[in-house]
């Protein structure tokens, strides 16, 4: 869960056409992923921080909170 929460964020604005052909990323999604998106006609635009995530993983031993290292939030589970 920690890797998923810390993964690069991206945003695609609906509908396609105009701004819809741009995918905003905070950092690289990886050369292969970005090349594939460009091959489909998308532009990749770096935008810096796009937000942060707080998550709770439900495990057999109980809830496990995970906080995004980019943000100031805190994951809590009671």
N, C-alpha and C. Protein backbone atom coordinates (compact mmCIF):
# COMPACT_ATOMS: atom_id res chain seq x y z
N UNK A 1 0.82 -1.19 0.00
CA UNK A 1 0.00 0.00 0.00
C UNK A 1 0.86 1.26 0.00
N UNK A 2 1.97 1.22 0.74
CA UNK A 2 2.85 2.40 0.78
C UNK A 2 3.38 2.77 -0.59
N UNK A 3 3.78 1.77 -1.40
CA UNK A 3 4.27 2.05 -2.76
C UNK A 3 3.16 2.65 -3.63
N UNK A 4 1.95 2.12 -3.50
CA UNK A 4 0.83 2.63 -4.29
C UNK A 4 0.51 4.08 -3.93
N UNK A 5 0.48 4.40 -2.66
CA UNK A 5 0.17 5.75 -2.22
C UNK A 5 1.26 6.74 -2.64
N UNK A 6 2.50 6.30 -2.68
CA UNK A 6 3.62 7.17 -3.04
C UNK A 6 3.89 7.22 -4.55
N UNK A 7 3.17 6.43 -5.34
CA UNK A 7 3.39 6.38 -6.80
C UNK A 7 3.10 7.74 -7.43
N UNK A 8 3.70 8.02 -8.59
CA UNK A 8 3.45 9.30 -9.27
C UNK A 8 1.96 9.49 -9.57
N UNK A 9 1.47 10.69 -9.32
CA UNK A 9 0.09 11.02 -9.62
C UNK A 9 -0.03 11.59 -11.03
N UNK A 10 -1.19 11.37 -11.65
CA UNK A 10 -1.44 11.93 -12.98
C UNK A 10 -2.90 12.36 -13.06
N UNK A 11 -3.20 13.21 -14.03
CA UNK A 11 -4.57 13.69 -14.22
C UNK A 11 -4.84 13.82 -15.71
N UNK A 12 -5.98 13.28 -16.13
CA UNK A 12 -6.44 13.43 -17.51
C UNK A 12 -7.79 14.11 -17.46
N UNK A 13 -7.92 15.27 -18.11
CA UNK A 13 -9.17 16.02 -18.08
C UNK A 13 -10.12 15.52 -19.16
N UNK A 14 -11.34 15.17 -18.78
CA UNK A 14 -12.37 14.75 -19.73
C UNK A 14 -13.08 15.99 -20.22
N UNK A 15 -13.52 16.12 -21.42
CA UNK A 15 -13.56 15.14 -22.50
C UNK A 15 -12.32 15.24 -23.38
N UNK A 16 -12.08 14.21 -24.20
CA UNK A 16 -10.96 14.26 -25.14
C UNK A 16 -11.11 15.43 -26.11
N UNK A 17 -10.00 15.86 -26.64
CA UNK A 17 -9.98 17.02 -27.55
C UNK A 17 -9.54 18.24 -26.76
N UNK A 18 -8.70 19.05 -27.35
CA UNK A 18 -8.20 20.23 -26.64
C UNK A 18 -7.41 19.81 -25.42
N UNK A 19 -7.82 20.29 -24.24
CA UNK A 19 -7.13 19.94 -22.99
C UNK A 19 -7.18 18.44 -22.71
N UNK A 20 -8.18 17.73 -23.29
CA UNK A 20 -8.33 16.31 -23.05
C UNK A 20 -7.25 15.44 -23.66
N UNK A 21 -6.42 16.06 -24.51
CA UNK A 21 -5.32 15.31 -25.11
C UNK A 21 -4.04 15.43 -24.29
N UNK A 22 -4.13 16.07 -23.14
CA UNK A 22 -2.96 16.29 -22.27
C UNK A 22 -3.13 15.48 -21.00
N UNK A 23 -2.08 14.79 -20.61
CA UNK A 23 -2.04 14.10 -19.32
C UNK A 23 -1.02 14.84 -18.46
N UNK A 24 -1.50 15.39 -17.35
CA UNK A 24 -0.63 16.09 -16.43
C UNK A 24 -0.03 15.08 -15.47
N UNK A 25 1.29 15.16 -15.28
CA UNK A 25 1.98 14.27 -14.35
C UNK A 25 2.84 15.09 -13.41
N UNK A 26 3.01 14.58 -12.19
CA UNK A 26 3.86 15.31 -11.25
C UNK A 26 5.33 14.95 -11.44
N UNK A 27 5.56 13.73 -11.89
CA UNK A 27 6.92 13.29 -12.24
C UNK A 27 6.76 12.14 -13.22
N UNK A 28 7.83 11.66 -13.75
CA UNK A 28 7.78 10.66 -14.81
C UNK A 28 6.95 9.43 -14.44
N UNK A 29 6.17 8.97 -15.41
CA UNK A 29 5.45 7.70 -15.26
C UNK A 29 6.30 6.54 -15.75
N UNK A 30 7.49 6.84 -16.24
CA UNK A 30 8.39 5.84 -16.81
C UNK A 30 8.43 5.98 -18.32
N UNK A 31 9.58 5.74 -18.89
CA UNK A 31 9.77 5.93 -20.33
C UNK A 31 8.79 5.11 -21.17
N UNK A 32 8.60 3.85 -20.81
CA UNK A 32 7.72 2.97 -21.59
C UNK A 32 6.27 3.44 -21.54
N UNK A 33 5.79 3.78 -20.36
CA UNK A 33 4.40 4.24 -20.21
C UNK A 33 4.19 5.55 -20.95
N UNK A 34 5.12 6.48 -20.82
CA UNK A 34 4.96 7.76 -21.48
C UNK A 34 5.07 7.63 -23.00
N UNK A 35 5.94 6.76 -23.49
CA UNK A 35 6.04 6.53 -24.93
C UNK A 35 4.74 5.93 -25.47
N UNK A 36 4.14 5.01 -24.73
CA UNK A 36 2.88 4.42 -25.14
C UNK A 36 1.76 5.45 -25.19
N UNK A 37 1.71 6.33 -24.21
CA UNK A 37 0.68 7.38 -24.20
C UNK A 37 0.88 8.35 -25.36
N UNK A 38 2.13 8.72 -25.63
CA UNK A 38 2.41 9.61 -26.77
C UNK A 38 2.02 8.94 -28.09
N UNK A 39 2.27 7.63 -28.20
CA UNK A 39 1.90 6.90 -29.41
C UNK A 39 0.39 6.91 -29.62
N UNK A 40 -0.39 7.04 -28.55
CA UNK A 40 -1.86 7.12 -28.66
C UNK A 40 -2.33 8.55 -28.89
N UNK A 41 -1.39 9.50 -28.99
CA UNK A 41 -1.75 10.88 -29.30
C UNK A 41 -1.82 11.83 -28.12
N UNK A 42 -1.44 11.37 -26.94
CA UNK A 42 -1.48 12.24 -25.77
C UNK A 42 -0.18 13.04 -25.63
N UNK A 43 -0.30 14.23 -25.07
CA UNK A 43 0.86 15.01 -24.67
C UNK A 43 1.06 14.77 -23.17
N UNK A 44 2.30 14.76 -22.74
CA UNK A 44 2.62 14.61 -21.32
C UNK A 44 3.13 15.97 -20.84
N UNK A 45 2.53 16.48 -19.79
CA UNK A 45 2.92 17.79 -19.27
C UNK A 45 3.21 17.68 -17.78
N UNK A 46 4.41 18.11 -17.37
CA UNK A 46 4.78 18.10 -15.96
C UNK A 46 4.08 19.26 -15.25
N UNK A 47 3.45 18.99 -14.11
CA UNK A 47 2.72 20.01 -13.38
C UNK A 47 3.15 20.11 -11.93
N UNK A 48 4.11 19.34 -11.49
CA UNK A 48 4.47 19.37 -10.08
C UNK A 48 3.44 18.62 -9.26
N UNK A 49 3.35 18.93 -7.98
CA UNK A 49 2.45 18.21 -7.08
C UNK A 49 1.00 18.33 -7.53
N UNK A 50 0.31 17.21 -7.57
CA UNK A 50 -1.10 17.17 -7.98
C UNK A 50 -2.02 16.83 -6.81
N UNK A 51 -1.51 16.75 -5.63
CA UNK A 51 -2.33 16.40 -4.48
C UNK A 51 -1.64 15.38 -3.60
N UNK A 52 -2.37 14.85 -2.65
CA UNK A 52 -1.84 13.77 -1.84
C UNK A 52 -2.99 12.86 -1.41
N UNK A 53 -2.64 11.68 -0.94
CA UNK A 53 -3.60 10.62 -0.66
C UNK A 53 -3.40 10.11 0.76
N UNK A 54 -4.49 9.81 1.42
CA UNK A 54 -4.45 9.08 2.68
C UNK A 54 -5.26 7.81 2.43
N UNK A 55 -4.78 6.67 2.88
CA UNK A 55 -5.47 5.41 2.60
C UNK A 55 -5.47 4.52 3.84
N UNK A 56 -6.40 3.60 3.84
CA UNK A 56 -6.45 2.60 4.91
C UNK A 56 -6.52 1.23 4.26
N UNK A 57 -5.53 0.41 4.55
CA UNK A 57 -5.52 -0.97 4.08
C UNK A 57 -6.24 -1.83 5.10
N UNK A 58 -7.19 -2.62 4.63
CA UNK A 58 -7.91 -3.53 5.53
C UNK A 58 -7.22 -4.88 5.49
N UNK A 59 -6.62 -5.27 6.61
CA UNK A 59 -5.90 -6.53 6.69
C UNK A 59 -6.56 -7.41 7.75
N UNK A 60 -6.27 -8.71 7.75
CA UNK A 60 -6.85 -9.60 8.76
C UNK A 60 -6.50 -9.17 10.20
N UNK A 61 -5.35 -8.50 10.36
CA UNK A 61 -4.97 -8.06 11.71
C UNK A 61 -5.53 -6.69 12.08
N UNK A 62 -6.28 -6.07 11.17
CA UNK A 62 -6.89 -4.78 11.46
C UNK A 62 -6.50 -3.74 10.42
N UNK A 63 -7.07 -2.53 10.52
CA UNK A 63 -6.78 -1.47 9.55
C UNK A 63 -5.35 -0.95 9.69
N UNK A 64 -4.73 -0.68 8.53
CA UNK A 64 -3.37 -0.14 8.50
C UNK A 64 -3.42 1.19 7.75
N UNK A 65 -3.23 2.34 8.45
CA UNK A 65 -3.25 3.63 7.77
C UNK A 65 -1.94 3.88 7.02
N UNK A 66 -2.06 4.51 5.86
CA UNK A 66 -0.88 4.86 5.05
C UNK A 66 -1.04 6.32 4.64
N UNK A 67 -0.02 7.12 4.89
CA UNK A 67 -0.05 8.54 4.57
C UNK A 67 0.90 8.85 3.42
N UNK A 68 0.46 9.70 2.52
CA UNK A 68 1.24 10.09 1.35
C UNK A 68 2.47 10.90 1.78
N UNK A 69 3.66 10.51 1.32
CA UNK A 69 4.87 11.26 1.71
C UNK A 69 4.93 12.66 1.10
N UNK A 70 4.09 12.97 0.09
CA UNK A 70 4.08 14.28 -0.54
C UNK A 70 3.33 15.33 0.26
N UNK A 71 2.40 14.88 1.10
CA UNK A 71 1.47 15.83 1.72
C UNK A 71 1.70 16.03 3.19
N UNK A 72 0.74 16.72 3.78
CA UNK A 72 0.83 17.03 5.20
C UNK A 72 -0.21 16.26 6.01
N UNK A 73 -1.02 15.44 5.31
CA UNK A 73 -2.05 14.67 5.99
C UNK A 73 -1.48 13.51 6.78
N UNK A 74 -2.35 12.90 7.56
CA UNK A 74 -1.97 11.75 8.37
C UNK A 74 -3.05 10.68 8.20
N UNK A 75 -2.63 9.45 7.91
CA UNK A 75 -3.58 8.35 7.85
C UNK A 75 -3.85 7.83 9.26
N UNK A 76 -5.11 7.76 9.65
CA UNK A 76 -5.47 7.27 10.99
C UNK A 76 -6.52 6.18 10.87
N UNK A 77 -6.42 5.19 11.71
CA UNK A 77 -7.44 4.14 11.80
C UNK A 77 -7.58 3.75 13.25
N UNK A 78 -8.82 3.68 13.68
CA UNK A 78 -9.06 3.31 15.08
C UNK A 78 -9.87 2.03 15.15
